[in-house]
PDB file of all heavy atoms in Angstrom:
ATOM      1  N   ALA A   1      84.959 105.226  76.581  1.00  0.00           N
ATOM      2  CA  ALA A   1      83.584 105.265  77.168  1.00  0.00           C
ATOM      3  C   ALA A   1      83.651 105.036  78.651  1.00  0.00           C
ATOM      4  O   ALA A   1      82.815 105.586  79.386  1.00  0.00           O
ATOM      5  CB  ALA A   1      82.760 104.114  76.472  1.00  0.00           C
ATOM      6  N   ALA A   2      84.598 104.270  79.132  1.00  0.00           N
ATOM      7  CA  ALA A   2      84.686 103.993  80.568  1.00  0.00           C
ATOM      8  C   ALA A   2      85.472 105.053  81.310  1.00  0.00           C
ATOM      9  O   ALA A   2      85.380 105.120  82.560  1.00  0.00           O
ATOM     10  CB  ALA A   2      85.318 102.643  80.808  1.00  0.00           C
ATOM     11  N   ALA A   3      86.202 105.859  80.566  1.00  0.00           N
ATOM     12  CA  ALA A   3      87.104 106.813  81.229  1.00  0.00           C
ATOM     13  C   ALA A   3      86.412 107.814  82.163  1.00  0.00           C
ATOM     14  O   ALA A   3      86.980 108.131  83.206  1.00  0.00           O
ATOM     15  CB  ALA A   3      87.908 107.584  80.188  1.00  0.00           C
ATOM     16  N   PRO A   4      85.233 108.390  81.841  1.00  0.00           N
ATOM     17  CA  PRO A   4      84.661 109.382  82.719  1.00  0.00           C
ATOM     18  C   PRO A   4      84.476 108.869  84.142  1.00  0.00           C
ATOM     19  O   PRO A   4      84.580 109.632  85.093  1.00  0.00           O
ATOM     20  CB  PRO A   4      83.319 109.694  82.048  1.00  0.00           C
ATOM     21  CG  PRO A   4      83.555 109.450  80.595  1.00  0.00           C
ATOM     22  CD  PRO A   4      84.472 108.260  80.607  1.00  0.00           C
ATOM     23  N   ASP A   5      84.081 107.603  84.326  1.00  0.00           N
ATOM     24  CA  ASP A   5      83.954 107.067  85.638  1.00  0.00           C
ATOM     25  C   ASP A   5      85.264 106.337  86.000  1.00  0.00           C
ATOM     26  O   ASP A   5      85.507 105.196  85.752  1.00  0.00           O
ATOM     27  CB  ASP A   5      82.801 106.037  85.696  1.00  0.00           C
ATOM     28  CG  ASP A   5      82.535 105.567  87.147  1.00  0.00           C
ATOM     29  OD1 ASP A   5      83.181 106.135  88.054  1.00  0.00           O
ATOM     30  OD2 ASP A   5      81.716 104.689  87.339  1.00  0.00           O
ATOM     31  N   ARG A   6      86.200 107.118  86.595  1.00  0.00           N
ATOM     32  CA  ARG A   6      87.498 106.613  86.818  1.00  0.00           C
ATOM     33  C   ARG A   6      87.660 105.892  88.147  1.00  0.00           C
ATOM     34  O   ARG A   6      88.774 105.462  88.504  1.00  0.00           O
ATOM     35  CB  ARG A   6      88.540 107.765  86.765  1.00  0.00           C
ATOM     36  CG  ARG A   6      88.274 108.839  87.796  1.00  0.00           C
ATOM     37  CD  ARG A   6      89.238 109.995  87.697  1.00  0.00           C
ATOM     38  NE  ARG A   6      89.051 110.996  88.666  1.00  0.00           N
ATOM     39  CZ  ARG A   6      88.186 112.013  88.579  1.00  0.00           C
ATOM     40  NH1 ARG A   6      87.443 112.066  87.513  1.00  0.00           N
ATOM     41  NH2 ARG A   6      88.060 112.905  89.546  1.00  0.00           N
ATOM     42  N   PHE A   7      86.591 105.822  88.933  1.00  0.00           N
ATOM     43  CA  PHE A   7      86.709 105.233  90.249  1.00  0.00           C
ATOM     44  C   PHE A   7      86.508 103.724  90.202  1.00  0.00           C
ATOM     45  O   PHE A   7      85.550 103.243  89.540  1.00  0.00           O
ATOM     46  CB  PHE A   7      85.688 105.882  91.236  1.00  0.00           C
ATOM     47  CG  PHE A   7      85.930 107.380  91.333  1.00  0.00           C
ATOM     48  CD1 PHE A   7      85.007 108.242  90.773  1.00  0.00           C
ATOM     49  CD2 PHE A   7      87.005 107.898  92.013  1.00  0.00           C
ATOM     50  CE1 PHE A   7      85.200 109.654  90.882  1.00  0.00           C
ATOM     51  CE2 PHE A   7      87.202 109.271  92.125  1.00  0.00           C
ATOM     52  CZ  PHE A   7      86.301 110.132  91.541  1.00  0.00           C
ATOM     53  N   ASP A   8      87.376 102.997  90.910  1.00  0.00           N
ATOM     54  CA  ASP A   8      87.291 101.549  90.938  1.00  0.00           C
ATOM     55  C   ASP A   8      86.279 101.037  91.933  1.00  0.00           C
ATOM     56  O   ASP A   8      85.818  99.914  91.850  1.00  0.00           O
ATOM     57  CB  ASP A   8      88.662 100.970  91.283  1.00  0.00           C
ATOM     58  CG  ASP A   8      89.742 101.345  90.255  1.00  0.00           C
ATOM     59  OD1 ASP A   8      89.402 101.472  89.087  1.00  0.00           O
ATOM     60  OD2 ASP A   8      90.899 101.517  90.696  1.00  0.00           O
ATOM     61  N   ARG A   9      85.972 101.824  92.944  1.00  0.00           N
ATOM     62  CA  ARG A   9      85.056 101.434  94.012  1.00  0.00           C
ATOM     63  C   ARG A   9      84.306 102.661  94.522  1.00  0.00           C
ATOM     64  O   ARG A   9      84.690 103.786  94.289  1.00  0.00           O
ATOM     65  CB  ARG A   9      85.793 100.695  95.079  1.00  0.00           C
ATOM     66  CG  ARG A   9      86.984 101.409  95.652  1.00  0.00           C
ATOM     67  CD  ARG A   9      87.691 100.590  96.707  1.00  0.00           C
ATOM     68  NE  ARG A   9      88.980 101.189  97.096  1.00  0.00           N
ATOM     69  CZ  ARG A   9      89.488 101.031  98.298  1.00  0.00           C
ATOM     70  NH1 ARG A   9      88.852 100.347  99.213  1.00  0.00           N
ATOM     71  NH2 ARG A   9      90.643 101.562  98.569  1.00  0.00           N
ATOM     72  N   ALA A  10      83.290 102.354  95.312  1.00  0.00           N
ATOM     73  CA  ALA A  10      82.426 103.420  95.791  1.00  0.00           C
ATOM     74  C   ALA A  10      83.026 104.208  96.985  1.00  0.00           C
ATOM     75  O   ALA A  10      83.031 105.429  97.009  1.00  0.00           O
ATOM     76  CB  ALA A  10      81.033 102.893  96.151  1.00  0.00           C
ATOM     77  N   ARG A  11      83.569 103.423  97.954  1.00  0.00           N
ATOM     78  CA  ARG A  11      83.982 104.057  99.225  1.00  0.00           C
ATOM     79  C   ARG A  11      85.281 103.512  99.735  1.00  0.00           C
ATOM     80  O   ARG A  11      85.671 102.409  99.417  1.00  0.00           O
ATOM     81  CB  ARG A  11      82.853 103.876 100.279  1.00  0.00           C
ATOM     82  CG  ARG A  11      81.536 104.456  99.883  1.00  0.00           C
ATOM     83  CD  ARG A  11      80.428 103.936 100.810  1.00  0.00           C
ATOM     84  NE  ARG A  11      80.672 104.292 102.174  1.00  0.00           N
ATOM     85  CZ  ARG A  11      79.833 103.848 103.172  1.00  0.00           C
ATOM     86  NH1 ARG A  11      78.821 103.072 102.911  1.00  0.00           N
ATOM     87  NH2 ARG A  11      80.077 104.206 104.437  1.00  0.00           N
ATOM     88  N   ALA A  12      85.945 104.304 100.550  1.00  0.00           N
ATOM     89  CA  ALA A  12      87.173 103.887 101.182  1.00  0.00           C
ATOM     90  C   ALA A  12      87.388 104.733 102.439  1.00  0.00           C
ATOM     91  O   ALA A  12      86.876 105.866 102.527  1.00  0.00           O
ATOM     92  CB  ALA A  12      88.397 104.007 100.237  1.00  0.00           C
ATOM     93  N   VAL A  13      88.172 104.191 103.357  1.00  0.00           N
ATOM     94  CA  VAL A  13      88.617 104.957 104.513  1.00  0.00           C
ATOM     95  C   VAL A  13      90.150 104.956 104.450  1.00  0.00           C
ATOM     96  O   VAL A  13      90.775 103.908 104.296  1.00  0.00           O
ATOM     97  CB  VAL A  13      88.184 104.338 105.847  1.00  0.00           C
ATOM     98  CG1 VAL A  13      88.742 105.101 107.034  1.00  0.00           C
ATOM     99  CG2 VAL A  13      86.673 104.305 105.928  1.00  0.00           C
ATOM    100  N   LEU A  14      90.743 106.136 104.520  1.00  0.00           N
ATOM    101  CA  LEU A  14      92.238 106.277 104.429  1.00  0.00           C
ATOM    102  C   LEU A  14      92.738 106.761 105.781  1.00  0.00           C
ATOM    103  O   LEU A  14      92.360 107.800 106.258  1.00  0.00           O
ATOM    104  CB  LEU A  14      92.574 107.303 103.347  1.00  0.00           C
ATOM    105  CG  LEU A  14      94.082 107.623 103.172  1.00  0.00           C
ATOM    106  CD1 LEU A  14      94.885 106.385 102.760  1.00  0.00           C
ATOM    107  CD2 LEU A  14      94.280 108.757 102.169  1.00  0.00           C
ATOM    108  N   LEU A  15      93.654 105.991 106.343  1.00  0.00           N
ATOM    109  CA  LEU A  15      94.226 106.322 107.654  1.00  0.00           C
ATOM    110  C   LEU A  15      95.717 106.586 107.480  1.00  0.00           C
ATOM    111  O   LEU A  15      96.414 105.823 106.831  1.00  0.00           O
ATOM    112  CB  LEU A  15      94.037 105.130 108.608  1.00  0.00           C
ATOM    113  CG  LEU A  15      94.685 105.265 109.998  1.00  0.00           C
ATOM    114  CD1 LEU A  15      93.891 106.272 110.869  1.00  0.00           C
ATOM    115  CD2 LEU A  15      94.707 103.905 110.710  1.00  0.00           C
ATOM    116  N   VAL A  16      96.198 107.679 108.068  1.00  0.00           N
ATOM    117  CA  VAL A  16      97.653 107.963 108.107  1.00  0.00           C
ATOM    118  C   VAL A  16      98.215 107.233 109.323  1.00  0.00           C
ATOM    119  O   VAL A  16      97.783 107.472 110.440  1.00  0.00           O
ATOM    120  CB  VAL A  16      97.897 109.466 108.191  1.00  0.00           C
ATOM    121  CG1 VAL A  16      99.397 109.731 108.169  1.00  0.00           C
ATOM    122  CG2 VAL A  16      97.208 110.209 107.102  1.00  0.00           C
ATOM    123  N   ALA A  17      99.201 106.329 109.070  1.00  0.00           N
ATOM    124  CA  ALA A  17      99.719 105.461 110.157  1.00  0.00           C
ATOM    125  C   ALA A  17     101.215 105.598 110.238  1.00  0.00           C
ATOM    126  O   ALA A  17     101.922 105.425 109.257  1.00  0.00           O
ATOM    127  CB  ALA A  17      99.321 104.030 109.911  1.00  0.00           C
ATOM    128  N   ALA A  18     101.750 105.880 111.472  1.00  0.00           N
ATOM    129  CA  ALA A  18     103.167 105.922 111.702  1.00  0.00           C
ATOM    130  C   ALA A  18     103.597 104.603 112.311  1.00  0.00           C
ATOM    131  O   ALA A  18     103.433 104.371 113.514  1.00  0.00           O
ATOM    132  CB  ALA A  18     103.460 107.086 112.642  1.00  0.00           C
ATOM    133  N   GLY A  19     104.087 103.699 111.510  1.00  0.00           N
ATOM    134  CA  GLY A  19     104.536 102.396 111.988  1.00  0.00           C
ATOM    135  C   GLY A  19     103.992 101.282 111.074  1.00  0.00           C
ATOM    136  O   GLY A  19     102.776 101.265 110.791  1.00  0.00           O
ATOM    137  N   ALA A  20     104.872 100.335 110.668  1.00  0.00           N
ATOM    138  CA  ALA A  20     104.429  99.333 109.800  1.00  0.00           C
ATOM    139  C   ALA A  20     103.410  98.409 110.428  1.00  0.00           C
ATOM    140  O   ALA A  20     102.419  98.018 109.791  1.00  0.00           O
ATOM    141  CB  ALA A  20     105.707  98.470 109.383  1.00  0.00           C
ATOM    142  N   GLU A  21     103.602  98.068 111.718  1.00  0.00           N
ATOM    143  CA  GLU A  21     102.614  97.161 112.374  1.00  0.00           C
ATOM    144  C   GLU A  21     101.287  97.818 112.496  1.00  0.00           C
ATOM    145  O   GLU A  21     100.230  97.219 112.359  1.00  0.00           O
ATOM    146  CB  GLU A  21     103.194  96.719 113.713  1.00  0.00           C
ATOM    147  CG  GLU A  21     104.419  95.814 113.611  1.00  0.00           C
ATOM    148  CD  GLU A  21     105.186  95.685 114.888  1.00  0.00           C
ATOM    149  OE1 GLU A  21     105.556  96.728 115.469  1.00  0.00           O
ATOM    150  OE2 GLU A  21     105.426  94.558 115.302  1.00  0.00           O
ATOM    151  N   LEU A  22     101.321  99.102 112.765  1.00  0.00           N
ATOM    152  CA  LEU A  22     100.069  99.895 112.867  1.00  0.00           C
ATOM    153  C   LEU A  22      99.363  99.877 111.550  1.00  0.00           C
ATOM    154  O   LEU A  22      98.089  99.773 111.462  1.00  0.00           O
ATOM    155  CB  LEU A  22     100.351 101.313 113.343  1.00  0.00           C
ATOM    156  CG  LEU A  22      99.174 102.207 113.611  1.00  0.00           C
ATOM    157  CD1 LEU A  22      98.230 101.583 114.606  1.00  0.00           C
ATOM    158  CD2 LEU A  22      99.671 103.560 114.039  1.00  0.00           C
ATOM    159  N   GLY A  23     100.119 100.074 110.469  1.00  0.00           N
ATOM    160  CA  GLY A  23      99.526 100.037 109.119  1.00  0.00           C
ATOM    161  C   GLY A  23      98.870  98.696 108.817  1.00  0.00           C
ATOM    162  O   GLY A  23      97.746  98.679 108.291  1.00  0.00           O
ATOM    163  N   GLU A  24      99.520  97.610 109.200  1.00  0.00           N
ATOM    164  CA  GLU A  24      98.913  96.305 108.966  1.00  0.00           C
ATOM    165  C   GLU A  24      97.642  96.110 109.791  1.00  0.00           C
ATOM    166  O   GLU A  24      96.692  95.510 109.359  1.00  0.00           O
ATOM    167  CB  GLU A  24      99.919  95.185 109.301  1.00  0.00           C
ATOM    168  CG  GLU A  24     101.067  95.056 108.320  1.00  0.00           C
ATOM    169  CD  GLU A  24     100.566  94.894 106.908  1.00  0.00           C
ATOM    170  OE1 GLU A  24      99.675  94.041 106.707  1.00  0.00           O
ATOM    171  OE2 GLU A  24     101.053  95.581 105.995  1.00  0.00           O
ATOM    172  N   LEU A  25      97.657  96.654 110.992  1.00  0.00           N
ATOM    173  CA  LEU A  25      96.469  96.594 111.870  1.00  0.00           C
ATOM    174  C   LEU A  25      95.281  97.345 111.214  1.00  0.00           C
ATOM    175  O   LEU A  25      94.180  96.861 111.189  1.00  0.00           O
ATOM    176  CB  LEU A  25      96.833  97.226 113.222  1.00  0.00           C
ATOM    177  CG  LEU A  25      95.744  97.149 114.315  1.00  0.00           C
ATOM    178  CD1 LEU A  25      95.482  95.688 114.668  1.00  0.00           C
ATOM    179  CD2 LEU A  25      96.205  97.947 115.557  1.00  0.00           C
ATOM    180  N   ALA A  26      95.595  98.501 110.652  1.00  0.00           N
ATOM    181  CA  ALA A  26      94.550  99.290 110.001  1.00  0.00           C
ATOM    182  C   ALA A  26      94.049  98.597 108.744  1.00  0.00           C
ATOM    183  O   ALA A  26      92.831  98.588 108.431  1.00  0.00           O
ATOM    184  CB  ALA A  26      95.045 100.695 109.672  1.00  0.00           C
ATOM    185  N   ARG A  27      94.951  98.020 107.958  1.00  0.00           N
ATOM    186  CA  ARG A  27      94.555  97.344 106.736  1.00  0.00           C
ATOM    187  C   ARG A  27      93.653  96.108 107.033  1.00  0.00           C
ATOM    188  O   ARG A  27      92.700  95.849 106.361  1.00  0.00           O
ATOM    189  CB  ARG A  27      95.812  96.874 105.965  1.00  0.00           C
ATOM    190  CG  ARG A  27      96.576  98.013 105.280  1.00  0.00           C
ATOM    191  CD  ARG A  27      97.686  97.450 104.344  1.00  0.00           C
ATOM    192  NE  ARG A  27      98.455  98.542 103.829  1.00  0.00           N
ATOM    193  CZ  ARG A  27      99.614  98.955 104.403  1.00  0.00           C
ATOM    194  NH1 ARG A  27     100.080  98.391 105.491  1.00  0.00           N
ATOM    195  NH2 ARG A  27     100.288  99.979 103.842  1.00  0.00           N
ATOM    196  N   SER A  28      93.984  95.420 108.127  1.00  0.00           N
ATOM    197  CA  SER A  28      93.224  94.257 108.544  1.00  0.00           C
ATOM    198  C   SER A  28      91.779  94.641 108.926  1.00  0.00           C
ATOM    199  O   SER A  28      90.851  93.857 108.835  1.00  0.00           O
ATOM    200  CB  SER A  28      93.867  93.496 109.639  1.00  0.00           C
ATOM    201  OG  SER A  28      93.839  94.271 110.858  1.00  0.00           O
ATOM    202  N   ALA A  29      91.661  95.925 109.314  1.00  0.00           N
ATOM    203  CA  ALA A  29      90.294  96.446 109.644  1.00  0.00           C
ATOM    204  C   ALA A  29      89.611  97.044 108.452  1.00  0.00           C
ATOM    205  O   ALA A  29      88.499  97.592 108.590  1.00  0.00           O
ATOM    206  CB  ALA A  29      90.427  97.476 110.749  1.00  0.00           C
ATOM    207  N   GLY A  30      90.250  96.975 107.297  1.00  0.00           N
ATOM    208  CA  GLY A  30      89.594  97.420 106.083  1.00  0.00           C
ATOM    209  C   GLY A  30      89.981  98.786 105.536  1.00  0.00           C
ATOM    210  O   GLY A  30      89.351  99.300 104.622  1.00  0.00           O
ATOM    211  N   ALA A  31      91.012  99.406 106.094  1.00  0.00           N
ATOM    212  CA  ALA A  31      91.399 100.774 105.678  1.00  0.00           C
ATOM    213  C   ALA A  31      92.447 100.703 104.641  1.00  0.00           C
ATOM    214  O   ALA A  31      93.277  99.794 104.559  1.00  0.00           O
ATOM    215  CB  ALA A  31      91.855 101.561 106.901  1.00  0.00           C
ATOM    216  N   ASP A  32      92.509 101.777 103.814  1.00  0.00           N
ATOM    217  CA  ASP A  32      93.679 102.067 102.977  1.00  0.00           C
ATOM    218  C   ASP A  32      94.631 102.829 103.919  1.00  0.00           C
ATOM    219  O   ASP A  32      94.159 103.588 104.786  1.00  0.00           O
ATOM    220  CB  ASP A  32      93.315 102.927 101.802  1.00  0.00           C
ATOM    221  CG  ASP A  32      92.601 102.131 100.698  1.00  0.00           C
ATOM    222  OD1 ASP A  32      91.616 101.427 101.058  1.00  0.00           O
ATOM    223  OD2 ASP A  32      93.037 102.170  99.577  1.00  0.00           O
ATOM    224  N   VAL A  33      95.927 102.691 103.744  1.00  0.00           N
ATOM    225  CA  VAL A  33      96.920 103.265 104.647  1.00  0.00           C
ATOM    226  C   VAL A  33      97.905 104.100 103.942  1.00  0.00           C
ATOM    227  O   VAL A  33      98.459 103.713 102.898  1.00  0.00           O
ATOM    228  CB  VAL A  33      97.636 102.139 105.451  1.00  0.00           C
ATOM    229  CG1 VAL A  33      98.709 102.747 106.321  1.00  0.00           C
ATOM    230  CG2 VAL A  33      96.609 101.375 106.335  1.00  0.00           C
ATOM    231  N   LEU A  34      98.171 105.292 104.477  1.00  0.00           N
ATOM    232  CA  LEU A  34      99.300 106.160 104.044  1.00  0.00           C
ATOM    233  C   LEU A  34     100.350 106.052 105.101  1.00  0.00           C
ATOM    234  O   LEU A  34     100.191 106.583 106.223  1.00  0.00           O
ATOM    235  CB  LEU A  34      98.824 107.596 103.870  1.00  0.00           C
ATOM    236  CG  LEU A  34      99.969 108.602 103.630  1.00  0.00           C
ATOM    237  CD1 LEU A  34     100.783 108.260 102.369  1.00  0.00           C
ATOM    238  CD2 LEU A  34      99.416 110.021 103.506  1.00  0.00           C
ATOM    239  N   PRO A  35     101.455 105.320 104.810  1.00  0.00           N
ATOM    240  CA  PRO A  35     102.526 105.189 105.872  1.00  0.00           C
ATOM    241  C   PRO A  35     103.129 106.569 106.171  1.00  0.00           C
ATOM    242  O   PRO A  35     103.404 107.392 105.273  1.00  0.00           O
ATOM    243  CB  PRO A  35     103.575 104.289 105.192  1.00  0.00           C
ATOM    244  CG  PRO A  35     102.798 103.606 104.107  1.00  0.00           C
ATOM    245  CD  PRO A  35     101.766 104.542 103.614  1.00  0.00           C
ATOM    246  N   ARG A  36     103.391 106.764 107.440  1.00  0.00           N
ATOM    247  CA  ARG A  36     104.008 108.052 107.832  1.00  0.00           C
ATOM    248  C   ARG A  36     105.360 107.772 108.452  1.00  0.00           C
ATOM    249  O   ARG A  36     105.541 107.872 109.653  1.00  0.00           O
ATOM    250  CB  ARG A  36     103.074 108.769 108.872  1.00  0.00           C
ATOM    251  CG  ARG A  36     103.553 110.189 109.174  1.00  0.00           C
ATOM    252  CD  ARG A  36     102.689 110.879 110.215  1.00  0.00           C
ATOM    253  NE  ARG A  36     103.108 112.230 110.444  1.00  0.00           N
ATOM    254  CZ  ARG A  36     102.598 113.039 111.348  1.00  0.00           C
ATOM    255  NH1 ARG A  36     101.591 112.599 112.089  1.00  0.00           N
ATOM    256  NH2 ARG A  36     103.089 114.239 111.545  1.00  0.00           N
ATOM    257  N   GLU A  37     106.303 107.422 107.576  1.00  0.00           N
ATOM    258  CA  GLU A  37     107.642 107.156 108.026  1.00  0.00           C
ATOM    259  C   GLU A  37     108.418 108.450 108.277  1.00  0.00           C
ATOM    260  O   GLU A  37     109.292 108.550 109.112  1.00  0.00           O
ATOM    261  CB  GLU A  37     108.363 106.290 107.012  1.00  0.00           C
ATOM    262  CG  GLU A  37     107.675 104.936 106.837  1.00  0.00           C
ATOM    263  CD  GLU A  37     108.350 104.112 105.728  1.00  0.00           C
ATOM    264  OE1 GLU A  37     109.258 104.663 105.109  1.00  0.00           O
ATOM    265  OE2 GLU A  37     107.882 102.977 105.522  1.00  0.00           O
ATOM    266  N   GLU A  38     108.082 109.486 107.508  1.00  0.00           N
ATOM    267  CA  GLU A  38     108.725 110.778 107.660  1.00  0.00           C
ATOM    268  C   GLU A  38     107.580 111.813 107.559  1.00  0.00           C
ATOM    269  O   GLU A  38     106.401 111.509 107.689  1.00  0.00           O
ATOM    270  CB  GLU A  38     109.702 111.016 106.498  1.00  0.00           C
ATOM    271  CG  GLU A  38     110.830 110.000 106.498  1.00  0.00           C
ATOM    272  CD  GLU A  38     111.830 110.256 105.350  1.00  0.00           C
ATOM    273  OE1 GLU A  38     111.548 111.146 104.533  1.00  0.00           O
ATOM    274  OE2 GLU A  38     112.801 109.522 105.259  1.00  0.00           O
TER     275      GLU A  38
END
């Protein structure tokens, strides 16, 4: 019954970040982060 609504939350911001410290900076501002190591 719950499966059709598969989303855990309403909204998110996803930032692509090259650098671990930069990723932590973005997370602290409320973003989801995709690390760009390669």
